[in-house]
Amino acid sequence: MKYANILYEQSDGIATITLNRPEKMNAYVPEMGDELVHAFRHAREDEDVRVVILTGAGKGFCAGVDLDALKASRAEPGASRLGEEEFINGFPLELAEYPKPIIVAINGAAIGVGITMTLPCDIRIAADGVKLGVTFTKLGILPGLGSTHLLPRLIGLANAKDLVLTARVIRADEALGMGLVNRVVPRDALLKEARELAMSIADLRPEVIAAAKRVLEDGLQSTMAEAMHNEAEASAALRRGGKS
């Protein structure tokens, strides 16, 4: 697939996927979603890729849905319709079970789908001062991409209600305090920080990293006894050189 809305680069065991509509602050269109699905699947199947970084080109990460493109698509018969694409409907489930770590480098505003697309990922690093908002209710719609499941688990129900019901936009430092992002770094150090973190993970055994991701996700839904059983099973599978 030729990409028109994203960039894909791979080096040193790291695949970097960059949202690439900088003139629109990387506002989301269905075609971008199709390309993201393809790129993430390609990175998953590429044995040379150990870690994926997701970021944005220019000053923004993703400023939400491209409302101009949305209006145009509604007026054009046969055009891609927002919400019908796989990225919105099913791919968040795939990301939640993705075997390779995904680091999001939030280089600028992440609004609406720009923030919900990061929630199934593993580590979020934000540039100092960036704005983030779960602003769907301002548009008269509800948040999607599984965010009503993921957001309360990441930041707690009270904070999730605060962000969703008020649709307010917050800064990176407040997002850090909530746990919405893991780190806040100076803007000019963002990609360097993300890449150094990715390289530190890429140096580890990929089957161990995949198993660690899986048991942590399972542990969130399990009793402690079940989690301990899962840990033992996964560790035994690793010792055998197989998969848990």
Protein backbone atom coordinates (compact mmCIF):
# COMPACT_ATOMS: atom_id res chain seq x y z
CA MET A 1 0.00 0.00 0.00
CA LYS A 2 1.23 3.49 -0.83
CA TYR A 3 0.70 5.87 2.06
CA ALA A 4 -0.71 9.34 1.48
CA ASN A 5 -1.63 10.25 5.08
CA ILE A 6 1.15 8.63 7.13
CA LEU A 7 4.87 7.95 6.92
CA TYR A 8 6.51 4.61 7.75
CA GLU A 9 10.18 4.21 8.62
CA GLN A 10 12.08 1.30 10.08
CA SER A 11 15.59 1.22 11.56
CA ASP A 12 17.41 -0.38 14.49
CA GLY A 13 14.47 -2.63 15.29
CA ILE A 14 12.06 0.32 15.56
CA ALA A 15 9.18 1.12 13.22
CA THR A 16 8.13 4.78 13.33
CA ILE A 17 4.63 5.56 12.08
CA THR A 18 4.02 9.28 11.61
CA LEU A 19 0.63 10.87 11.00
CA ASN A 20 1.37 13.07 8.01
CA ARG A 21 -1.23 15.75 7.32
CA PRO A 22 0.68 18.60 8.98
CA GLU A 23 -1.23 21.29 7.10
CA LYS A 24 -4.36 20.01 8.89
CA MET A 25 -2.67 19.33 12.25
CA ASN A 26 -2.88 15.66 11.22
CA ALA A 27 -6.67 15.72 11.45
CA TYR A 28 -8.10 12.24 11.00
CA VAL A 29 -9.77 10.99 7.81
CA PRO A 30 -10.91 7.41 7.10
CA GLU A 31 -8.07 6.92 4.62
CA MET A 32 -5.60 7.65 7.42
CA GLY A 33 -7.27 4.92 9.46
CA ASP A 34 -6.90 2.42 6.62
CA GLU A 35 -3.20 3.25 6.31
CA LEU A 36 -2.63 2.96 10.05
CA VAL A 37 -4.19 -0.51 10.09
CA HIS A 38 -1.94 -1.59 7.22
CA ALA A 39 1.21 -0.09 8.78
CA PHE A 40 0.66 -1.61 12.22
CA ARG A 41 -0.02 -5.03 10.72
CA HIS A 42 3.10 -4.75 8.58
CA ALA A 43 5.19 -3.87 11.66
CA ARG A 44 3.67 -6.77 13.59
CA GLU A 45 4.62 -9.29 10.90
CA ASP A 46 8.12 -7.86 10.33
CA GLU A 47 10.50 -9.88 12.50
CA ASP A 48 13.06 -7.07 12.35
CA VAL A 49 10.65 -4.73 14.17
CA ARG A 50 10.78 -4.99 17.97
CA VAL A 51 9.02 -1.72 18.96
CA VAL A 52 6.66 0.73 17.25
CA ILE A 53 6.64 4.50 17.76
CA LEU A 54 3.55 6.49 16.76
CA THR A 55 3.89 10.27 16.38
CA GLY A 56 2.75 13.21 14.27
CA ALA A 57 4.36 15.46 11.67
CA GLY A 58 4.57 19.19 12.21
CA LYS A 59 3.07 21.01 15.18
CA GLY A 60 0.19 18.68 15.97
CA PHE A 61 -0.24 15.03 16.85
CA CYS A 62 -3.86 14.73 15.70
CA ALA A 63 -6.39 17.53 16.06
CA GLY A 64 -9.37 15.19 15.85
CA VAL A 65 -11.59 14.39 12.89
CA ASP A 66 -11.17 16.54 9.78
CA LEU A 67 -14.61 18.15 9.82
CA ASP A 68 -14.18 19.66 6.35
CA ALA A 69 -13.39 16.26 4.89
CA LEU A 70 -16.30 14.77 6.83
CA LYS A 71 -18.75 17.28 5.34
CA ALA A 72 -17.36 16.69 1.84
CA SER A 73 -17.66 12.91 2.20
CA ARG A 74 -21.30 13.20 3.22
CA ALA A 75 -22.01 15.17 0.08
CA GLU A 76 -20.13 12.76 -2.22
CA PRO A 77 -21.83 9.45 -3.08
CA GLY A 78 -19.57 6.44 -2.58
CA ALA A 79 -16.97 8.34 -0.54
CA SER A 80 -15.38 6.80 2.56
CA ARG A 81 -17.70 7.35 5.49
CA LEU A 82 -16.30 8.09 8.93
CA GLY A 83 -17.06 5.30 11.39
CA GLU A 84 -17.39 2.57 8.79
CA GLU A 85 -13.64 1.90 8.53
CA GLU A 86 -11.87 -0.94 10.32
CA PHE A 87 -9.63 1.40 12.33
CA ILE A 88 -12.65 2.75 14.20
CA ASN A 89 -14.74 -0.40 14.41
CA GLY A 90 -12.41 -3.28 15.17
CA PHE A 91 -8.76 -2.35 15.16
CA PRO A 92 -8.58 -1.06 18.77
CA LEU A 93 -9.12 -4.68 19.86
CA GLU A 94 -6.13 -5.68 17.73
CA LEU A 95 -4.00 -2.92 19.23
CA ALA A 96 -4.97 -3.98 22.75
CA GLU A 97 -3.50 -7.44 22.02
CA TYR A 98 -0.58 -6.22 19.90
CA PRO A 99 2.48 -8.32 20.76
CA LYS A 100 5.03 -5.54 20.28
CA PRO A 101 5.30 -2.45 22.51
CA ILE A 102 3.80 0.73 21.08
CA ILE A 103 5.18 4.06 22.29
CA VAL A 104 3.23 7.21 21.42
CA ALA A 105 5.22 10.44 21.13
CA ILE A 106 2.57 13.15 21.43
CA ASN A 107 4.27 16.08 19.76
CA GLY A 108 1.30 18.45 19.67
CA ALA A 109 -2.45 18.74 20.20
CA ALA A 110 -4.20 15.39 20.63
CA ILE A 111 -7.94 16.01 20.50
CA GLY A 112 -10.88 13.61 20.16
CA VAL A 113 -9.77 10.62 18.10
CA GLY A 114 -6.27 12.04 18.46
CA ILE A 115 -6.29 10.98 22.10
CA THR A 116 -8.52 7.89 21.92
CA MET A 117 -6.24 6.30 19.31
CA THR A 118 -3.40 6.40 21.87
CA LEU A 119 -5.26 4.61 24.65
CA PRO A 120 -4.74 1.01 23.47
CA CYS A 121 -1.01 1.73 23.15
CA ASP A 122 1.52 0.98 25.88
CA ILE A 123 3.46 4.12 26.76
CA ARG A 124 2.53 7.75 26.05
CA ILE A 125 5.17 10.48 26.14
CA ALA A 126 3.99 14.07 25.67
CA ALA A 127 5.86 17.20 24.75
CA ASP A 128 5.69 19.87 27.42
CA GLY A 129 2.64 22.12 27.04
CA VAL A 130 0.71 20.07 24.50
CA LYS A 131 -3.09 20.07 24.72
CA LEU A 132 -5.17 16.92 25.09
CA GLY A 133 -8.93 16.61 25.10
CA VAL A 134 -11.68 13.98 24.98
CA THR A 135 -14.03 16.49 23.37
CA PHE A 136 -16.66 14.29 21.74
CA THR A 137 -19.64 15.59 23.69
CA LYS A 138 -19.05 19.05 22.20
CA LEU A 139 -19.89 17.46 18.84
CA GLY A 140 -22.92 15.68 20.25
CA ILE A 141 -21.31 12.25 20.00
CA LEU A 142 -19.75 9.72 22.35
CA PRO A 143 -16.08 8.71 22.56
CA GLY A 144 -15.19 5.54 20.66
CA LEU A 145 -12.28 3.17 19.90
CA GLY A 146 -12.96 1.38 23.18
CA SER A 147 -12.11 4.50 25.15
CA THR A 148 -15.03 4.08 27.56
CA HIS A 149 -13.33 0.82 28.63
CA LEU A 150 -9.72 2.02 28.50
CA LEU A 151 -9.94 5.55 29.89
CA PRO A 152 -11.38 4.67 33.35
CA ARG A 153 -8.76 1.93 33.69
CA LEU A 154 -5.94 4.33 32.88
CA ILE A 155 -6.97 7.38 34.88
CA GLY A 156 -9.81 6.24 37.14
CA LEU A 157 -13.54 6.69 36.72
CA ALA A 158 -13.67 10.12 38.37
CA ASN A 159 -11.04 11.59 36.07
CA ALA A 160 -12.59 9.88 33.03
CA LYS A 161 -15.97 11.43 33.84
CA ASP A 162 -14.30 14.80 34.35
CA LEU A 163 -12.72 14.75 30.89
CA VAL A 164 -15.62 13.21 28.97
CA LEU A 165 -18.52 15.08 30.57
CA THR A 166 -16.89 18.51 30.50
CA ALA A 167 -15.10 17.98 27.16
CA ARG A 168 -12.40 20.26 28.54
CA VAL A 169 -8.91 20.44 27.10
CA ILE A 170 -6.00 19.89 29.48
CA ARG A 171 -2.25 20.45 29.31
CA ALA A 172 0.40 17.77 29.41
CA ASP A 173 1.30 18.36 33.06
CA GLU A 174 -2.29 17.73 34.18
CA ALA A 175 -2.46 14.68 31.93
CA LEU A 176 0.69 13.38 33.63
CA GLY A 177 -0.86 13.83 37.07
CA MET A 178 -3.91 11.82 35.96
CA GLY A 179 -1.85 9.06 34.39
CA LEU A 180 -3.10 9.81 30.89
CA VAL A 181 0.55 10.15 29.81
CA ASN A 182 3.59 8.47 31.34
CA ARG A 183 6.16 11.22 30.83
CA VAL A 184 6.36 14.87 29.83
CA VAL A 185 9.56 16.06 28.19
CA PRO A 186 10.74 19.20 26.39
CA ARG A 187 9.40 19.36 22.84
CA ASP A 188 12.84 19.25 21.24
CA ALA A 189 13.71 16.12 23.23
CA LEU A 190 10.49 14.18 22.52
CA LEU A 191 11.53 11.93 19.66
CA LYS A 192 14.98 11.36 21.17
CA GLU A 193 13.34 10.26 24.43
CA ALA A 194 10.87 8.01 22.62
CA ARG A 195 13.59 6.43 20.51
CA GLU A 196 15.92 5.85 23.46
CA LEU A 197 13.09 4.18 25.33
CA ALA A 198 12.22 2.09 22.28
CA MET A 199 15.83 0.99 21.85
CA SER A 200 16.07 -0.05 25.50
CA ILE A 201 13.06 -2.33 24.95
CA ALA A 202 14.27 -3.53 21.54
CA ASP A 203 17.40 -4.91 23.21
CA LEU A 204 15.30 -7.34 25.25
CA ARG A 205 13.98 -10.72 24.12
CA PRO A 206 10.82 -10.07 22.05
CA GLU A 207 9.07 -13.21 23.25
CA VAL A 208 9.57 -12.10 26.87
CA ILE A 209 8.25 -8.62 26.12
CA ALA A 210 5.19 -10.05 24.34
CA ALA A 211 4.51 -12.39 27.25
CA ALA A 212 4.94 -9.56 29.78
CA LYS A 213 2.43 -7.44 27.90
CA ARG A 214 -0.02 -10.31 27.82
CA VAL A 215 0.16 -11.24 31.50
CA LEU A 216 -0.17 -7.59 32.54
CA GLU A 217 -3.30 -7.19 30.44
CA ASP A 218 -4.68 -10.46 31.78
CA GLY A 219 -3.79 -9.43 35.32
CA LEU A 220 -5.96 -6.34 35.05
CA GLN A 221 -8.99 -8.56 34.51
CA SER A 222 -8.00 -11.37 36.90
CA THR A 223 -8.02 -12.23 40.56
CA MET A 224 -4.58 -12.37 42.17
CA ALA A 225 -4.72 -16.17 42.17
CA GLU A 226 -5.55 -16.20 38.46
CA ALA A 227 -2.75 -13.73 37.76
CA MET A 228 -0.24 -15.90 39.61
CA HIS A 229 -1.39 -18.93 37.62
CA ASN A 230 -1.03 -16.99 34.35
CA GLU A 231 2.46 -15.84 35.34
CA ALA A 232 3.55 -19.40 36.08
CA GLU A 233 2.10 -20.71 32.81
CA ALA A 234 3.72 -17.95 30.76
CA SER A 235 7.08 -18.40 32.49
CA ALA A 236 6.99 -22.15 31.90
CA ALA A 237 6.21 -21.57 28.20
CA LEU A 238 9.18 -19.22 27.92
CA ARG A 239 11.47 -21.79 29.51
CA ARG A 240 10.26 -24.34 26.99
CA GLY A 241 10.93 -21.85 24.22
CA GLY A 242 7.30 -21.79 23.22
CA LYS A 243 4.34 -19.47 23.56
CA SER A 244 2.03 -19.25 26.53
